[in-house]
Amino acid sequence: MTVPVVVALEDTDDADMSAVVDALRDAGLRVREVLTAVGVVTGTVDGDRLSSLSSVPGVAAVERERTIVLPPPDSPVQ
């Protein structure tokens, strides 16, 4: 099963961030987007490799990506 994840990186410069992203790829992350300005990487990983991402040096946190659905503006729930 593939799991979408959001990976927060420790405070690093651009060169270090590239090395961390490469290490995440080596750990099994299929990178979707690198948000350099905020130090976040998004992507997917096989469920059995999820725990390996947190052990990559330079990674502060790994969370499963969540989807939030809001009701339409004209909904009575608003």
PDB file of N, CA and C in Angstrom:
ATOM      1  N   MET A   1       0.840  -1.176   0.000  1.00  0.00           N
ATOM      2  CA  MET A   1       0.000   0.000   0.000  1.00  0.00           C
ATOM      3  C   MET A   1       0.888   1.243   0.000  1.00  0.00           C
ATOM      4  N   THR A   2       0.585   2.194  -0.846  1.00  0.00           N
ATOM      5  CA  THR A   2       1.324   3.445  -0.931  1.00  0.00           C
ATOM      6  C   THR A   2       0.693   4.467   0.004  1.00  0.00           C
ATOM      7  N   VAL A   3       1.552   5.174   0.744  1.00  0.00           N
ATOM      8  CA  VAL A   3       1.087   6.144   1.739  1.00  0.00           C
ATOM      9  C   VAL A   3       1.577   7.534   1.338  1.00  0.00           C
ATOM     10  N   PRO A   4       0.651   8.510   1.198  1.00  0.00           N
ATOM     11  CA  PRO A   4       1.101   9.884   0.950  1.00  0.00           C
ATOM     12  C   PRO A   4       1.608  10.484   2.256  1.00  0.00           C
ATOM     13  N   VAL A   5       2.769  11.170   2.198  1.00  0.00           N
ATOM     14  CA  VAL A   5       3.377  11.726   3.404  1.00  0.00           C
ATOM     15  C   VAL A   5       3.826  13.162   3.201  1.00  0.00           C
ATOM     16  N   VAL A   6       3.974  13.848   4.337  1.00  0.00           N
ATOM     17  CA  VAL A   6       4.561  15.183   4.391  1.00  0.00           C
ATOM     18  C   VAL A   6       5.754  15.064   5.331  1.00  0.00           C
ATOM     19  N   VAL A   7       6.927  15.466   4.859  1.00  0.00           N
ATOM     20  CA  VAL A   7       8.154  15.355   5.641  1.00  0.00           C
ATOM     21  C   VAL A   7       8.653  16.758   5.956  1.00  0.00           C
ATOM     22  N   ALA A   8       8.766  17.077   7.253  1.00  0.00           N
ATOM     23  CA  ALA A   8       9.325  18.355   7.685  1.00  0.00           C
ATOM     24  C   ALA A   8      10.817  18.162   7.916  1.00  0.00           C
ATOM     25  N   LEU A   9      11.614  19.068   7.361  1.00  0.00           N
ATOM     26  CA  LEU A   9      13.056  18.978   7.492  1.00  0.00           C
ATOM     27  C   LEU A   9      13.556  19.923   8.580  1.00  0.00           C
ATOM     28  N   GLU A  10      14.691  19.542   9.164  1.00  0.00           N
ATOM     29  CA  GLU A  10      15.333  20.428  10.130  1.00  0.00           C
ATOM     30  C   GLU A  10      15.836  21.656   9.380  1.00  0.00           C
ATOM     31  N   ASP A  11      16.158  22.701  10.105  1.00  0.00           N
ATOM     32  CA  ASP A  11      16.636  23.941   9.504  1.00  0.00           C
ATOM     33  C   ASP A  11      17.975  23.686   8.817  1.00  0.00           C
ATOM     34  N   THR A  12      17.965  23.696   7.480  1.00  0.00           N
ATOM     35  CA  THR A  12      19.180  23.430   6.704  1.00  0.00           C
ATOM     36  C   THR A  12      19.282  24.433   5.570  1.00  0.00           C
ATOM     37  N   ASP A  13      20.486  24.578   5.033  1.00  0.00           N
ATOM     38  CA  ASP A  13      20.615  25.426   3.849  1.00  0.00           C
ATOM     39  C   ASP A  13      20.264  24.598   2.613  1.00  0.00           C
ATOM     40  N   ASP A  14      20.253  25.246   1.448  1.00  0.00           N
ATOM     41  CA  ASP A  14      19.800  24.578   0.223  1.00  0.00           C
ATOM     42  C   ASP A  14      20.630  23.343  -0.133  1.00  0.00           C
ATOM     43  N   ALA A  15      21.947  23.401   0.057  1.00  0.00           N
ATOM     44  CA  ALA A  15      22.806  22.263  -0.274  1.00  0.00           C
ATOM     45  C   ALA A  15      22.501  21.079   0.632  1.00  0.00           C
ATOM     46  N   ASP A  16      22.338  21.352   1.937  1.00  0.00           N
ATOM     47  CA  ASP A  16      22.002  20.279   2.872  1.00  0.00           C
ATOM     48  C   ASP A  16      20.621  19.710   2.564  1.00  0.00           C
ATOM     49  N   MET A  17      19.682  20.586   2.177  1.00  0.00           N
ATOM     50  CA  MET A  17      18.331  20.126   1.863  1.00  0.00           C
ATOM     51  C   MET A  17      18.367  19.158   0.690  1.00  0.00           C
ATOM     52  N   SER A  18      19.162  19.444  -0.313  1.00  0.00           N
ATOM     53  CA  SER A  18      19.274  18.542  -1.469  1.00  0.00           C
ATOM     54  C   SER A  18      19.792  17.176  -1.037  1.00  0.00           C
ATOM     55  N   ALA A  19      20.753  17.169  -0.127  1.00  0.00           N
ATOM     56  CA  ALA A  19      21.299  15.901   0.364  1.00  0.00           C
ATOM     57  C   ALA A  19      20.245  15.126   1.149  1.00  0.00           C
ATOM     58  N   VAL A  20      19.429  15.828   1.942  1.00  0.00           N
ATOM     59  CA  VAL A  20      18.373  15.166   2.709  1.00  0.00           C
ATOM     60  C   VAL A  20      17.325  14.599   1.759  1.00  0.00           C
ATOM     61  N   VAL A  21      16.960  15.351   0.736  1.00  0.00           N
ATOM     62  CA  VAL A  21      15.974  14.869  -0.245  1.00  0.00           C
ATOM     63  C   VAL A  21      16.502  13.628  -0.957  1.00  0.00           C
ATOM     64  N   ASP A  22      17.782  13.631  -1.311  1.00  0.00           N
ATOM     65  CA  ASP A  22      18.377  12.444  -1.938  1.00  0.00           C
ATOM     66  C   ASP A  22      18.339  11.243  -0.991  1.00  0.00           C
ATOM     67  N   ALA A  23      18.627  11.484   0.297  1.00  0.00           N
ATOM     68  CA  ALA A  23      18.584  10.402   1.283  1.00  0.00           C
ATOM     69  C   ALA A  23      17.154   9.886   1.467  1.00  0.00           C
ATOM     70  N   LEU A  24      16.170  10.778   1.403  1.00  0.00           N
ATOM     71  CA  LEU A  24      14.765  10.350   1.487  1.00  0.00           C
ATOM     72  C   LEU A  24      14.408   9.476   0.290  1.00  0.00           C
ATOM     73  N   ARG A  25      14.886   9.850  -0.879  1.00  0.00           N
ATOM     74  CA  ARG A  25      14.652   9.009  -2.074  1.00  0.00           C
ATOM     75  C   ARG A  25      15.274   7.623  -1.874  1.00  0.00           C
ATOM     76  N   ASP A  26      16.502   7.603  -1.344  1.00  0.00           N
ATOM     77  CA  ASP A  26      17.173   6.325  -1.092  1.00  0.00           C
ATOM     78  C   ASP A  26      16.402   5.477  -0.077  1.00  0.00           C
ATOM     79  N   ALA A  27      15.691   6.146   0.845  1.00  0.00           N
ATOM     80  CA  ALA A  27      14.908   5.441   1.870  1.00  0.00           C
ATOM     81  C   ALA A  27      13.545   4.992   1.339  1.00  0.00           C
ATOM     82  N   GLY A  28      13.226   5.345   0.077  1.00  0.00           N
ATOM     83  CA  GLY A  28      11.993   4.864  -0.528  1.00  0.00           C
ATOM     84  C   GLY A  28      10.946   5.918  -0.839  1.00  0.00           C
ATOM     85  N   LEU A  29      11.223   7.184  -0.536  1.00  0.00           N
ATOM     86  CA  LEU A  29      10.238   8.236  -0.817  1.00  0.00           C
ATOM     87  C   LEU A  29      10.227   8.562  -2.300  1.00  0.00           C
ATOM     88  N   ARG A  30       9.043   8.572  -2.875  1.00  0.00           N
ATOM     89  CA  ARG A  30       8.861   9.044  -4.244  1.00  0.00           C
ATOM     90  C   ARG A  30       8.422  10.501  -4.108  1.00  0.00           C
ATOM     91  N   VAL A  31       9.363  11.395  -4.345  1.00  0.00           N
ATOM     92  CA  VAL A  31       9.161  12.823  -4.090  1.00  0.00           C
ATOM     93  C   VAL A  31       8.177  13.401  -5.093  1.00  0.00           C
ATOM     94  N   ARG A  32       7.175  14.105  -4.565  1.00  0.00           N
ATOM     95  CA  ARG A  32       6.208  14.806  -5.407  1.00  0.00           C
ATOM     96  C   ARG A  32       6.582  16.276  -5.504  1.00  0.00           C
ATOM     97  N   GLU A  33       6.949  16.880  -4.363  1.00  0.00           N
ATOM     98  CA  GLU A  33       7.233  18.310  -4.351  1.00  0.00           C
ATOM     99  C   GLU A  33       8.210  18.635  -3.219  1.00  0.00           C
ATOM    100  N   VAL A  34       9.134  19.534  -3.497  1.00  0.00           N
ATOM    101  CA  VAL A  34      10.062  20.036  -2.487  1.00  0.00           C
ATOM    102  C   VAL A  34       9.751  21.512  -2.276  1.00  0.00           C
ATOM    103  N   LEU A  35       9.298  21.847  -1.076  1.00  0.00           N
ATOM    104  CA  LEU A  35       8.951  23.229  -0.744  1.00  0.00           C
ATOM    105  C   LEU A  35      10.126  23.820   0.042  1.00  0.00           C
ATOM    106  N   THR A  36      11.115  24.290  -0.678  1.00  0.00           N
ATOM    107  CA  THR A  36      12.367  24.748  -0.092  1.00  0.00           C
ATOM    108  C   THR A  36      12.154  25.865   0.922  1.00  0.00           C
ATOM    109  N   ALA A  37      11.299  26.814   0.624  1.00  0.00           N
ATOM    110  CA  ALA A  37      11.107  27.985   1.489  1.00  0.00           C
ATOM    111  C   ALA A  37      10.626  27.602   2.886  1.00  0.00           C
ATOM    112  N   VAL A  38       9.870  26.507   2.996  1.00  0.00           N
ATOM    113  CA  VAL A  38       9.338  26.109   4.306  1.00  0.00           C
ATOM    114  C   VAL A  38       9.954  24.816   4.827  1.00  0.00           C
ATOM    115  N   GLY A  39      10.872  24.229   4.066  1.00  0.00           N
ATOM    116  CA  GLY A  39      11.560  23.024   4.520  1.00  0.00           C
ATOM    117  C   GLY A  39      10.671  21.807   4.602  1.00  0.00           C
ATOM    118  N   VAL A  40       9.835  21.611   3.579  1.00  0.00           N
ATOM    119  CA  VAL A  40       8.894  20.490   3.557  1.00  0.00           C
ATOM    120  C   VAL A  40       9.030  19.737   2.237  1.00  0.00           C
ATOM    121  N   VAL A  41       8.922  18.418   2.331  1.00  0.00           N
ATOM    122  CA  VAL A  41       8.935  17.560   1.150  1.00  0.00           C
ATOM    123  C   VAL A  41       7.662  16.722   1.189  1.00  0.00           C
ATOM    124  N   THR A  42       6.965  16.619   0.057  1.00  0.00           N
ATOM    125  CA  THR A  42       5.782  15.764  -0.018  1.00  0.00           C
ATOM    126  C   THR A  42       6.068  14.634  -0.998  1.00  0.00           C
ATOM    127  N   GLY A  43       5.365  13.528  -0.803  1.00  0.00           N
ATOM    128  CA  GLY A  43       5.532  12.401  -1.702  1.00  0.00           C
ATOM    129  C   GLY A  43       4.794  11.186  -1.204  1.00  0.00           C
ATOM    130  N   THR A  44       5.143  10.050  -1.763  1.00  0.00           N
ATOM    131  CA  THR A  44       4.522   8.788  -1.358  1.00  0.00           C
ATOM    132  C   THR A  44       5.618   7.783  -1.046  1.00  0.00           C
ATOM    133  N   VAL A  45       5.262   6.828  -0.190  1.00  0.00           N
ATOM    134  CA  VAL A  45       6.199   5.780   0.204  1.00  0.00           C
ATOM    135  C   VAL A  45       5.397   4.504   0.433  1.00  0.00           C
ATOM    136  N   ASP A  46       6.006   3.366   0.193  1.00  0.00           N
ATOM    137  CA  ASP A  46       5.341   2.109   0.508  1.00  0.00           C
ATOM    138  C   ASP A  46       5.163   2.026   2.015  1.00  0.00           C
ATOM    139  N   GLY A  47       4.035   1.532   2.459  1.00  0.00           N
ATOM    140  CA  GLY A  47       3.701   1.487   3.875  1.00  0.00           C
ATOM    141  C   GLY A  47       4.749   0.822   4.741  1.00  0.00           C
ATOM    142  N   ASP A  48       5.394  -0.218   4.228  1.00  0.00           N
ATOM    143  CA  ASP A  48       6.400  -0.924   5.026  1.00  0.00           C
ATOM    144  C   ASP A  48       7.720  -0.152   5.147  1.00  0.00           C
ATOM    145  N   ARG A  49       7.864   0.930   4.400  1.00  0.00           N
ATOM    146  CA  ARG A  49       9.089   1.738   4.461  1.00  0.00           C
ATOM    147  C   ARG A  49       8.855   3.088   5.140  1.00  0.00           C
ATOM    148  N   LEU A  50       7.642   3.323   5.609  1.00  0.00           N
ATOM    149  CA  LEU A  50       7.283   4.609   6.219  1.00  0.00           C
ATOM    150  C   LEU A  50       8.188   4.952   7.395  1.00  0.00           C
ATOM    151  N   SER A  51       8.436   4.012   8.273  1.00  0.00           N
ATOM    152  CA  SER A  51       9.238   4.286   9.473  1.00  0.00           C
ATOM    153  C   SER A  51      10.694   4.611   9.129  1.00  0.00           C
ATOM    154  N   SER A  52      11.180   4.160   7.984  1.00  0.00           N
ATOM    155  CA  SER A  52      12.576   4.428   7.624  1.00  0.00           C
ATOM    156  C   SER A  52      12.817   5.903   7.307  1.00  0.00           C
ATOM    157  N   LEU A  53      11.764   6.623   6.949  1.00  0.00           N
ATOM    158  CA  LEU A  53      11.940   8.037   6.603  1.00  0.00           C
ATOM    159  C   LEU A  53      12.343   8.867   7.809  1.00  0.00           C
ATOM    160  N   SER A  54      11.793   8.558   8.999  1.00  0.00           N
ATOM    161  CA  SER A  54      12.117   9.359  10.185  1.00  0.00           C
ATOM    162  C   SER A  54      13.555   9.199  10.630  1.00  0.00           C
ATOM    163  N   SER A  55      14.200   8.131  10.210  1.00  0.00           N
ATOM    164  CA  SER A  55      15.588   7.917  10.635  1.00  0.00           C
ATOM    165  C   SER A  55      16.600   8.598   9.713  1.00  0.00           C
ATOM    166  N   VAL A  56      16.135   9.250   8.668  1.00  0.00           N
ATOM    167  CA  VAL A  56      17.036   9.958   7.756  1.00  0.00           C
ATOM    168  C   VAL A  56      17.561  11.211   8.464  1.00  0.00           C
ATOM    169  N   PRO A  57      18.875  11.393   8.523  1.00  0.00           N
ATOM    170  CA  PRO A  57      19.430  12.597   9.162  1.00  0.00           C
ATOM    171  C   PRO A  57      18.917  13.864   8.467  1.00  0.00           C
ATOM    172  N   GLY A  58      18.477  14.828   9.264  1.00  0.00           N
ATOM    173  CA  GLY A  58      17.950  16.077   8.722  1.00  0.00           C
ATOM    174  C   GLY A  58      16.434  16.117   8.690  1.00  0.00           C
ATOM    175  N   VAL A  59      15.781  14.992   9.022  1.00  0.00           N
ATOM    176  CA  VAL A  59      14.317  14.938   9.041  1.00  0.00           C
ATOM    177  C   VAL A  59      13.836  15.255  10.455  1.00  0.00           C
ATOM    178  N   ALA A  60      12.938  16.243  10.559  1.00  0.00           N
ATOM    179  CA  ALA A  60      12.379  16.624  11.859  1.00  0.00           C
ATOM    180  C   ALA A  60      11.117  15.828  12.175  1.00  0.00           C
ATOM    181  N   ALA A  61      10.275  15.577  11.158  1.00  0.00           N
ATOM    182  CA  ALA A  61       9.019  14.861  11.393  1.00  0.00           C
ATOM    183  C   ALA A  61       8.485  14.284  10.086  1.00  0.00           C
ATOM    184  N   VAL A  62       7.752  13.176  10.212  1.00  0.00           N
ATOM    185  CA  VAL A  62       7.087  12.548   9.070  1.00  0.00           C
ATOM    186  C   VAL A  62       5.637  12.316   9.475  1.00  0.00           C
ATOM    187  N   GLU A  63       4.705  12.802   8.652  1.00  0.00           N
ATOM    188  CA  GLU A  63       3.279  12.607   8.930  1.00  0.00           C
ATOM    189  C   GLU A  63       2.589  12.108   7.677  1.00  0.00           C
ATOM    190  N   ARG A  64       1.576  11.297   7.903  1.00  0.00           N
ATOM    191  CA  ARG A  64       0.721  10.902   6.778  1.00  0.00           C
ATOM    192  C   ARG A  64      -0.034  12.145   6.317  1.00  0.00           C
ATOM    193  N   GLU A  65      -0.130  12.299   5.016  1.00  0.00           N
ATOM    194  CA  GLU A  65      -0.863  13.430   4.457  1.00  0.00           C
ATOM    195  C   GLU A  65      -2.353  13.235   4.714  1.00  0.00           C
ATOM    196  N   ARG A  66      -3.032  14.294   5.073  1.00  0.00           N
ATOM    197  CA  ARG A  66      -4.475  14.224   5.330  1.00  0.00           C
ATOM    198  C   ARG A  66      -5.232  15.066   4.322  1.00  0.00           C
ATOM    199  N   THR A  67      -6.424  14.638   4.006  1.00  0.00           N
ATOM    200  CA  THR A  67      -7.301  15.388   3.118  1.00  0.00           C
ATOM    201  C   THR A  67      -8.469  15.912   3.932  1.00  0.00           C
ATOM    202  N   ILE A  68      -8.736  17.189   3.792  1.00  0.00           N
ATOM    203  CA  ILE A  68      -9.852  17.813   4.503  1.00  0.00           C
ATOM    204  C   ILE A  68     -10.845  18.309   3.457  1.00  0.00           C
ATOM    205  N   VAL A  69     -12.091  17.930   3.626  1.00  0.00           N
ATOM    206  CA  VAL A  69     -13.133  18.328   2.689  1.00  0.00           C
ATOM    207  C   VAL A  69     -14.099  19.253   3.419  1.00  0.00           C
ATOM    208  N   LEU A  70     -14.283  20.434   2.864  1.00  0.00           N
ATOM    209  CA  LEU A  70     -15.211  21.410   3.443  1.00  0.00           C
ATOM    210  C   LEU A  70     -16.534  21.374   2.687  1.00  0.00           C
ATOM    211  N   PRO A  71     -17.622  21.661   3.373  1.00  0.00           N
ATOM    212  CA  PRO A  71     -18.899  21.719   2.674  1.00  0.00           C
ATOM    213  C   PRO A  71     -18.934  22.934   1.748  1.00  0.00           C
ATOM    214  N   PRO A  72     -19.792  22.895   0.740  1.00  0.00           N
ATOM    215  CA  PRO A  72     -19.890  24.039  -0.167  1.00  0.00           C
ATOM    216  C   PRO A  72     -20.359  25.291   0.583  1.00  0.00           C
ATOM    217  N   PRO A  73     -20.054  26.474   0.075  1.00  0.00           N
ATOM    218  CA  PRO A  73     -20.404  27.730   0.743  1.00  0.00           C
ATOM    219  C   PRO A  73     -21.898  27.887   1.036  1.00  0.00           C
ATOM    220  N   ASP A  74     -22.747  27.309   0.205  1.00  0.00           N
ATOM    221  CA  ASP A  74     -24.195  27.475   0.424  1.00  0.00           C
ATOM    222  C   ASP A  74     -24.793  26.374   1.301  1.00  0.00           C
ATOM    223  N   SER A  75     -23.941  25.563   1.891  1.00  0.00           N
ATOM    224  CA  SER A  75     -24.388  24.478   2.769  1.00  0.00           C
ATOM    225  C   SER A  75     -24.909  25.044   4.092  1.00  0.00           C
ATOM    226  N   PRO A  76     -25.962  24.433   4.676  1.00  0.00           N
ATOM    227  CA  PRO A  76     -26.475  24.919   5.953  1.00  0.00           C
ATOM    228  C   PRO A  76     -25.489  24.707   7.123  1.00  0.00           C
ATOM    229  N   VAL A  77     -24.464  23.906   6.906  1.00  0.00           N
ATOM    230  CA  VAL A  77     -23.476  23.664   7.953  1.00  0.00           C
ATOM    231  C   VAL A  77     -22.643  24.911   8.212  1.00  0.00           C
ATOM    232  N   GLN A  78     -22.517  25.768   7.222  1.00  0.00           N
ATOM    233  CA  GLN A  78     -21.726  26.983   7.355  1.00  0.00           C
ATOM    234  C   GLN A  78     -22.341  27.829   8.416  1.00  0.00           C
TER     235      GLN A  78
END
